[in-house]
N, C-alpha and C. Protein backbone atom coordinates (compact mmCIF):
# COMPACT_ATOMS: atom_id res chain seq x y z
N UNK A 1 32.41 -41.16 34.76
CA UNK A 1 31.14 -40.22 35.16
C UNK A 1 30.36 -39.93 34.08
N UNK A 2 29.12 -40.08 34.31
CA UNK A 2 28.17 -39.75 33.15
C UNK A 2 27.68 -38.23 33.34
N UNK A 3 27.91 -37.63 32.17
CA UNK A 3 27.42 -36.20 32.24
C UNK A 3 26.11 -36.14 31.56
N UNK A 4 24.95 -35.86 32.09
CA UNK A 4 23.62 -35.84 31.45
C UNK A 4 23.35 -34.50 31.01
N UNK A 5 24.07 -33.50 31.26
CA UNK A 5 23.81 -32.06 30.82
C UNK A 5 24.67 -31.86 29.81
N UNK A 6 25.29 -32.52 28.88
CA UNK A 6 26.02 -32.15 27.84
C UNK A 6 24.87 -31.81 26.68
N UNK A 7 25.38 -30.92 25.74
CA UNK A 7 24.60 -30.85 24.62
C UNK A 7 25.31 -31.05 23.32
N UNK A 8 24.31 -31.38 22.18
CA UNK A 8 25.01 -31.72 21.11
C UNK A 8 23.88 -31.11 19.91
N UNK A 9 24.63 -30.77 18.89
CA UNK A 9 23.87 -30.18 17.97
C UNK A 9 23.99 -31.03 16.62
N UNK A 10 22.80 -31.47 16.21
CA UNK A 10 22.80 -32.64 15.09
C UNK A 10 21.70 -31.93 13.83
N UNK A 11 22.28 -32.39 12.86
CA UNK A 11 21.19 -32.33 11.60
C UNK A 11 19.92 -33.05 11.99
N UNK A 12 18.73 -32.60 11.47
CA UNK A 12 17.58 -33.11 11.47
C UNK A 12 17.50 -34.77 11.00
N UNK A 13 18.41 -34.91 9.89
CA UNK A 13 18.37 -36.27 9.28
C UNK A 13 18.97 -37.20 10.27
N UNK A 14 19.79 -36.86 11.44
CA UNK A 14 20.28 -37.58 12.44
C UNK A 14 19.58 -37.94 13.66
N UNK A 15 18.39 -37.08 13.85
CA UNK A 15 17.56 -37.25 15.16
C UNK A 15 16.53 -38.39 14.75
N UNK A 16 16.28 -39.04 15.97
CA UNK A 16 15.28 -40.31 15.87
C UNK A 16 14.00 -39.69 15.49
N UNK A 17 13.13 -40.46 14.87
CA UNK A 17 11.84 -39.89 14.47
C UNK A 17 10.87 -39.55 15.52
N UNK A 18 11.16 -40.29 16.75
CA UNK A 18 10.34 -40.13 18.02
C UNK A 18 10.50 -38.69 18.69
N UNK A 19 11.89 -38.22 18.48
CA UNK A 19 12.16 -36.98 18.97
C UNK A 19 11.61 -35.80 18.27
N UNK A 20 11.75 -36.11 16.92
CA UNK A 20 11.07 -35.05 16.01
C UNK A 20 9.57 -34.87 16.14
N UNK A 21 8.91 -35.91 16.47
CA UNK A 21 7.58 -36.06 16.86
C UNK A 21 7.32 -35.22 18.15
N UNK A 22 8.18 -35.60 18.93
CA UNK A 22 7.84 -34.81 20.34
C UNK A 22 8.18 -33.06 20.13
N UNK A 23 8.92 -32.58 19.16
CA UNK A 23 9.15 -31.36 18.88
C UNK A 23 7.74 -30.99 18.10
N UNK A 24 7.31 -31.69 17.21
CA UNK A 24 6.35 -31.31 16.41
C UNK A 24 4.99 -31.22 17.42
N UNK A 25 4.73 -32.18 18.47
CA UNK A 25 3.85 -32.19 19.42
C UNK A 25 3.76 -30.71 20.43
N UNK A 26 5.23 -30.42 20.68
CA UNK A 26 5.13 -29.18 21.31
C UNK A 26 4.81 -27.97 20.58
N UNK A 27 5.19 -28.01 19.20
CA UNK A 27 4.81 -27.01 18.49
C UNK A 27 3.15 -26.75 18.45
N UNK A 28 2.70 -28.13 18.35
CA UNK A 28 1.15 -28.02 18.36
C UNK A 28 0.50 -27.35 19.51
N UNK A 29 0.96 -27.64 20.47
CA UNK A 29 0.52 -27.31 21.85
C UNK A 29 0.82 -25.68 21.82
N UNK A 30 1.94 -25.29 21.66
CA UNK A 30 2.38 -23.88 21.76
C UNK A 30 1.54 -23.12 20.83
N UNK A 31 1.22 -23.63 19.64
CA UNK A 31 0.28 -22.83 18.52
C UNK A 31 -1.11 -22.92 19.06
N UNK A 32 -1.62 -23.70 20.00
CA UNK A 32 -2.88 -23.92 20.70
C UNK A 32 -3.77 -24.43 19.41
N UNK A 33 -3.28 -25.05 18.64
CA UNK A 33 -4.12 -26.01 17.51
C UNK A 33 -4.80 -26.94 18.09
N UNK A 34 -4.14 -27.68 19.25
CA UNK A 34 -4.49 -28.66 19.97
C UNK A 34 -4.54 -28.18 21.45
N UNK A 35 -5.38 -28.44 22.39
CA UNK A 35 -5.43 -28.14 23.81
C UNK A 35 -4.65 -28.92 24.78
N UNK A 36 -4.52 -30.31 24.34
CA UNK A 36 -4.05 -31.40 25.36
C UNK A 36 -2.74 -31.97 24.86
N UNK A 37 -2.16 -32.56 25.80
CA UNK A 37 -0.94 -33.34 25.52
C UNK A 37 -1.48 -34.69 24.65
N UNK A 38 -2.55 -35.18 25.08
CA UNK A 38 -3.35 -36.32 24.61
C UNK A 38 -3.48 -36.12 22.96
N UNK A 39 -4.32 -34.79 22.81
CA UNK A 39 -4.41 -34.42 21.35
C UNK A 39 -3.11 -34.61 20.62
N UNK A 40 -2.23 -33.90 21.21
CA UNK A 40 -1.06 -33.60 20.36
C UNK A 40 -0.42 -34.83 19.94
N UNK A 41 -0.23 -35.73 21.14
CA UNK A 41 0.31 -36.92 20.78
C UNK A 41 -0.18 -37.93 19.87
N UNK A 42 -1.61 -37.67 19.78
CA UNK A 42 -2.36 -38.73 19.05
C UNK A 42 -1.95 -38.00 17.65
N UNK A 43 -2.25 -36.64 17.42
CA UNK A 43 -1.92 -36.11 16.17
C UNK A 43 -0.55 -36.26 15.48
N UNK A 44 0.73 -36.57 16.29
CA UNK A 44 1.89 -36.97 15.55
C UNK A 44 2.11 -38.26 15.80
N UNK A 45 1.38 -39.10 16.39
CA UNK A 45 1.60 -40.55 16.22
C UNK A 45 2.68 -41.15 17.40
N UNK A 46 2.50 -40.42 18.78
CA UNK A 46 3.51 -41.11 19.69
C UNK A 46 2.70 -41.00 20.94
N UNK A 47 3.24 -42.03 21.89
CA UNK A 47 2.52 -42.23 23.10
C UNK A 47 2.84 -41.11 24.05
N UNK A 48 2.31 -40.68 25.03
CA UNK A 48 2.27 -39.64 25.87
C UNK A 48 3.34 -40.00 26.98
N UNK A 49 3.65 -41.03 27.27
CA UNK A 49 4.86 -41.40 27.87
C UNK A 49 6.29 -40.99 27.17
N UNK A 50 6.18 -40.99 25.71
CA UNK A 50 7.28 -40.70 25.02
C UNK A 50 7.54 -39.07 25.05
N UNK A 51 6.47 -38.62 24.90
CA UNK A 51 6.33 -36.83 25.01
C UNK A 51 7.10 -36.59 26.15
N UNK A 52 6.43 -37.05 27.50
CA UNK A 52 6.93 -36.64 28.79
C UNK A 52 8.36 -37.00 29.02
N UNK A 53 8.73 -38.15 28.41
CA UNK A 53 10.10 -38.42 28.47
C UNK A 53 11.09 -37.56 27.93
N UNK A 54 10.88 -37.08 26.71
CA UNK A 54 11.72 -36.35 25.93
C UNK A 54 11.33 -34.79 25.99
N UNK A 55 10.23 -34.40 26.35
CA UNK A 55 9.83 -33.21 26.16
C UNK A 55 10.89 -31.87 26.69
N UNK A 56 11.50 -32.20 27.67
CA UNK A 56 12.50 -31.40 28.16
C UNK A 56 13.93 -31.25 27.53
N UNK A 57 14.05 -32.49 26.63
CA UNK A 57 15.39 -32.84 26.23
C UNK A 57 15.63 -32.42 24.89
N UNK A 58 14.81 -32.04 24.13
CA UNK A 58 14.61 -31.67 22.62
C UNK A 58 13.91 -30.09 22.28
N UNK A 59 14.51 -29.65 21.47
CA UNK A 59 13.91 -28.23 20.95
C UNK A 59 14.54 -27.72 19.74
N UNK A 60 13.88 -27.03 18.83
CA UNK A 60 14.35 -26.54 17.85
C UNK A 60 15.55 -25.54 17.99
N UNK A 61 16.62 -25.82 17.24
CA UNK A 61 17.90 -24.94 17.55
C UNK A 61 17.52 -23.51 17.58
N UNK A 62 16.81 -22.94 16.68
CA UNK A 62 16.60 -21.57 16.56
C UNK A 62 15.87 -21.00 17.81
N UNK A 63 14.87 -21.80 18.46
CA UNK A 63 14.07 -21.46 19.41
C UNK A 63 14.65 -21.02 20.65
N UNK A 64 15.98 -21.23 20.87
CA UNK A 64 16.53 -20.84 22.17
C UNK A 64 17.92 -20.11 21.82
N UNK A 65 17.97 -19.60 20.63
CA UNK A 65 19.27 -19.02 20.26
C UNK A 65 19.30 -17.58 20.42
N UNK A 66 18.10 -17.11 20.44
CA UNK A 66 17.88 -15.47 20.67
C UNK A 66 19.05 -14.80 21.83
N UNK A 67 19.78 -13.65 21.31
CA UNK A 67 20.36 -13.10 22.21
C UNK A 67 21.75 -13.88 22.63
N UNK A 68 22.13 -14.85 21.66
CA UNK A 68 23.11 -15.72 21.64
C UNK A 68 24.31 -15.56 20.80
N UNK A 69 25.40 -16.14 20.96
CA UNK A 69 26.50 -16.14 20.07
C UNK A 69 26.58 -17.70 19.30
N UNK A 70 26.41 -17.62 18.16
CA UNK A 70 26.71 -19.03 17.70
C UNK A 70 28.18 -18.91 16.73
N UNK A 71 28.86 -20.08 16.87
CA UNK A 71 30.14 -19.95 16.20
C UNK A 71 30.19 -21.19 15.35
N UNK A 72 30.52 -20.83 14.06
CA UNK A 72 30.40 -22.22 13.17
C UNK A 72 31.85 -21.93 12.19
N UNK A 73 32.21 -23.13 11.79
CA UNK A 73 33.51 -23.17 10.83
C UNK A 73 32.98 -24.00 9.49
N UNK A 74 33.58 -23.63 8.43
CA UNK A 74 33.27 -24.25 7.20
C UNK A 74 34.74 -24.23 6.56
N UNK A 75 34.76 -25.18 5.58
CA UNK A 75 35.90 -25.47 4.66
C UNK A 75 35.23 -24.72 3.21
N UNK A 76 36.09 -23.91 2.62
CA UNK A 76 35.65 -23.47 1.35
C UNK A 76 36.80 -23.24 0.36
N UNK A 77 36.36 -23.13 -0.87
CA UNK A 77 37.40 -23.06 -2.11
C UNK A 77 37.84 -21.79 -2.05
N UNK A 78 39.17 -21.66 -2.31
CA UNK A 78 39.62 -20.39 -2.73
C UNK A 78 39.36 -19.67 -3.76
N UNK A 79 38.24 -18.94 -3.69
CA UNK A 79 37.57 -18.43 -5.02
C UNK A 79 37.33 -16.95 -4.80
N UNK A 80 37.77 -16.26 -5.57
CA UNK A 80 37.29 -14.78 -5.55
C UNK A 80 35.78 -14.59 -5.50
N UNK A 81 35.38 -13.75 -4.11
CA UNK A 81 33.96 -13.35 -4.06
C UNK A 81 33.47 -14.46 -3.21
N UNK A 82 33.86 -15.58 -2.81
CA UNK A 82 33.12 -16.39 -2.22
C UNK A 82 33.09 -16.17 -0.72
N UNK A 83 34.01 -15.50 -0.18
CA UNK A 83 33.68 -14.96 1.38
C UNK A 83 32.68 -13.95 1.50
N UNK A 84 32.71 -12.93 0.60
CA UNK A 84 31.73 -11.98 0.23
C UNK A 84 30.11 -12.67 0.31
N UNK A 85 30.05 -13.59 -0.49
CA UNK A 85 28.67 -14.42 -0.74
C UNK A 85 28.32 -14.84 0.50
N UNK A 86 29.17 -15.59 1.43
CA UNK A 86 28.88 -16.02 2.61
C UNK A 86 28.33 -15.05 3.66
N UNK A 87 29.08 -13.88 3.64
CA UNK A 87 28.73 -12.87 4.40
C UNK A 87 27.33 -12.17 3.97
N UNK A 88 27.13 -12.39 2.73
CA UNK A 88 25.87 -11.79 2.31
C UNK A 88 24.69 -12.68 2.82
N UNK A 89 25.09 -14.08 2.98
CA UNK A 89 23.88 -14.94 3.53
C UNK A 89 23.73 -14.60 4.91
N UNK A 90 24.89 -14.26 5.81
CA UNK A 90 24.52 -13.87 7.10
C UNK A 90 23.83 -12.54 7.18
N UNK A 91 23.95 -11.71 6.26
CA UNK A 91 23.37 -10.42 6.25
C UNK A 91 21.87 -10.56 5.94
N UNK A 92 21.58 -11.47 5.00
CA UNK A 92 20.27 -11.75 4.49
C UNK A 92 19.36 -12.50 5.53
N UNK A 93 20.11 -13.20 6.42
CA UNK A 93 19.16 -13.84 7.68
C UNK A 93 19.23 -12.95 8.86
N UNK A 94 20.12 -11.61 8.81
CA UNK A 94 19.93 -10.62 9.93
C UNK A 94 20.47 -10.93 11.02
N UNK A 95 21.74 -11.62 10.85
CA UNK A 95 22.50 -12.00 12.16
C UNK A 95 23.68 -10.83 11.96
N UNK A 96 24.14 -10.72 13.35
CA UNK A 96 25.13 -9.66 13.47
C UNK A 96 26.40 -10.52 13.56
N UNK A 97 27.41 -10.12 12.59
CA UNK A 97 28.74 -10.71 12.51
C UNK A 97 29.57 -10.16 13.53
N UNK A 98 30.17 -10.97 14.67
CA UNK A 98 31.01 -10.67 15.68
C UNK A 98 32.58 -10.83 15.36
N UNK A 99 32.67 -12.25 15.06
CA UNK A 99 34.33 -12.22 14.54
C UNK A 99 34.54 -13.08 13.07
N UNK A 100 35.47 -12.80 12.32
CA UNK A 100 35.70 -13.78 11.31
C UNK A 100 37.10 -14.08 11.18
N UNK A 101 37.37 -15.25 11.03
CA UNK A 101 38.71 -15.82 10.88
C UNK A 101 38.92 -16.73 9.48
N UNK A 102 39.82 -16.17 8.78
CA UNK A 102 39.92 -17.16 7.32
C UNK A 102 41.35 -17.41 7.54
N UNK A 103 41.71 -18.71 7.46
CA UNK A 103 43.02 -19.24 7.28
C UNK A 103 43.56 -18.99 5.91
N UNK A 104 44.73 -19.07 5.57
CA UNK A 104 45.59 -18.93 4.43
C UNK A 104 45.17 -20.23 3.58
N UNK A 105 44.67 -20.36 2.58
CA UNK A 105 44.39 -21.51 1.55
C UNK A 105 45.59 -22.50 1.44
N UNK A 106 45.26 -23.64 1.86
CA UNK A 106 46.15 -24.77 1.33
C UNK A 106 45.65 -25.55 0.48
N UNK A 107 46.34 -25.87 -0.71
CA UNK A 107 45.58 -26.90 -1.73
C UNK A 107 44.53 -26.20 -2.22
N UNK A 108 44.12 -24.91 -2.27
CA UNK A 108 43.07 -24.42 -2.67
C UNK A 108 41.58 -24.35 -1.90
N UNK A 109 41.93 -24.68 -0.49
CA UNK A 109 40.78 -24.87 0.30
C UNK A 109 41.35 -24.07 1.77
N UNK A 110 40.22 -23.11 2.10
CA UNK A 110 40.39 -22.27 3.06
C UNK A 110 39.48 -22.38 4.20
N UNK A 111 40.00 -22.59 5.67
CA UNK A 111 39.05 -22.68 6.65
C UNK A 111 38.77 -21.34 7.15
N UNK A 112 37.40 -21.55 7.46
CA UNK A 112 36.62 -20.14 7.82
C UNK A 112 35.86 -20.26 9.16
N UNK A 113 36.03 -19.41 10.11
CA UNK A 113 35.09 -19.45 11.37
C UNK A 113 34.49 -18.13 11.59
N UNK A 114 33.32 -18.14 11.83
CA UNK A 114 32.44 -16.87 12.03
C UNK A 114 31.85 -17.21 13.18
N UNK A 115 31.72 -15.97 14.10
CA UNK A 115 30.71 -15.94 15.12
C UNK A 115 29.70 -14.96 14.58
N UNK A 116 28.29 -15.27 15.06
CA UNK A 116 27.49 -14.42 14.86
C UNK A 116 26.63 -14.29 16.16
N UNK A 117 26.15 -13.06 16.26
CA UNK A 117 25.13 -12.84 17.35
C UNK A 117 23.71 -12.78 16.69
N UNK A 118 22.68 -13.59 17.40
CA UNK A 118 21.45 -13.82 17.11
C UNK A 118 20.61 -12.54 17.78
N UNK A 119 20.26 -11.95 16.88
CA UNK A 119 19.29 -10.66 17.28
C UNK A 119 17.66 -10.97 17.20
N UNK A 120 16.99 -10.18 17.45
CA UNK A 120 15.55 -10.16 17.57
C UNK A 120 15.01 -10.37 16.09
N UNK A 121 15.79 -9.73 15.35
CA UNK A 121 15.38 -9.76 13.71
C UNK A 121 15.84 -10.83 13.03
N UNK A 122 16.93 -11.80 13.69
CA UNK A 122 17.35 -12.77 13.25
C UNK A 122 16.51 -13.88 12.65
N UNK A 123 16.62 -14.32 11.16
CA UNK A 123 15.70 -15.44 10.72
C UNK A 123 16.41 -16.76 11.30
N UNK A 124 15.81 -17.82 11.14
CA UNK A 124 16.17 -19.40 11.31
C UNK A 124 17.65 -19.46 11.30
N UNK A 125 18.44 -19.49 12.36
CA UNK A 125 19.78 -20.16 12.12
C UNK A 125 20.13 -21.20 11.30
N UNK A 126 19.27 -22.28 11.39
CA UNK A 126 19.26 -23.67 10.82
C UNK A 126 19.27 -23.19 9.37
N UNK A 127 18.13 -22.44 9.02
CA UNK A 127 18.08 -21.92 7.52
C UNK A 127 19.42 -21.42 6.97
N UNK A 128 20.07 -20.88 7.92
CA UNK A 128 21.03 -19.75 7.30
C UNK A 128 22.00 -20.97 6.91
N UNK A 129 22.44 -21.68 7.96
CA UNK A 129 23.53 -22.74 7.77
C UNK A 129 23.33 -23.62 6.69
N UNK A 130 21.94 -24.11 6.43
CA UNK A 130 21.75 -24.90 5.25
C UNK A 130 21.83 -24.03 3.79
N UNK A 131 21.71 -22.69 3.75
CA UNK A 131 21.88 -21.75 2.61
C UNK A 131 23.43 -21.82 2.40
N UNK A 132 23.92 -21.70 3.50
CA UNK A 132 25.65 -21.65 3.23
C UNK A 132 25.91 -22.99 2.95
N UNK A 133 25.74 -24.14 3.25
CA UNK A 133 25.97 -25.39 2.74
C UNK A 133 25.83 -25.78 1.60
N UNK A 134 24.81 -24.97 0.78
CA UNK A 134 24.38 -25.26 -0.68
C UNK A 134 25.10 -24.12 -1.50
N UNK A 135 26.02 -23.19 -0.79
CA UNK A 135 26.72 -22.23 -1.68
C UNK A 135 27.93 -22.85 -2.39
N UNK A 136 27.77 -22.52 -3.87
CA UNK A 136 28.93 -23.09 -4.50
C UNK A 136 30.36 -22.93 -4.02
N UNK A 137 31.11 -23.61 -3.71
CA UNK A 137 32.48 -23.48 -3.20
C UNK A 137 32.46 -23.72 -1.96
N UNK A 138 31.53 -23.95 -1.15
CA UNK A 138 31.52 -24.09 0.45
C UNK A 138 31.34 -25.60 0.34
N UNK A 139 32.38 -26.37 1.10
CA UNK A 139 32.63 -27.66 1.22
C UNK A 139 31.66 -28.44 2.46
N UNK A 140 31.81 -27.56 3.73
CA UNK A 140 30.95 -28.02 4.71
C UNK A 140 30.76 -26.98 6.02
N UNK A 141 29.74 -27.12 6.53
CA UNK A 141 29.58 -26.14 7.64
C UNK A 141 29.31 -27.17 8.89
N UNK A 142 29.97 -26.54 9.83
CA UNK A 142 29.81 -27.10 11.30
C UNK A 142 29.63 -26.25 12.31
N UNK A 143 28.52 -26.36 13.16
CA UNK A 143 28.43 -25.45 14.36
C UNK A 143 29.46 -25.81 15.41
N UNK A 144 30.49 -24.89 15.97
CA UNK A 144 31.52 -25.05 16.92
C UNK A 144 30.91 -24.82 18.29
N UNK A 145 30.00 -23.75 18.31
CA UNK A 145 29.54 -23.60 19.91
C UNK A 145 28.38 -22.52 19.62
N UNK A 146 27.50 -22.62 20.87
CA UNK A 146 26.52 -21.84 20.98
C UNK A 146 26.43 -21.24 22.49
N UNK A 147 26.85 -20.00 22.69
CA UNK A 147 26.92 -19.52 24.00
C UNK A 147 25.64 -18.71 24.28
């Protein structure tokens, strides 16, 4: 049985170019820089049929996160202060930490899961995760759930 209402979270580099252009066309329409779908699709270089085919199926992650809980997991080195640095990133992006669970480090690596509430003041969640990914000692960050 095919489930057409399943959701996936992908990094931008994994999304086909046509879908990214649909998002850009929607942004142009929302910003009122263009007035018609024809103008928006011409500006980004896709057909109107592609726009209409995908417009209800793709949206920037942060746009629909407000008031939601996002849970993610990461692998991180067992280094003093690293958990504090990660939590400071969450604070800098103004998300509300709901839960934190860190495993006992094995072979110098610990697993961490954090659930955060996205508030009206919260900045871009994608940006927060990208900032965590480049933090020295953080090995990877993955979104587990968005509720």
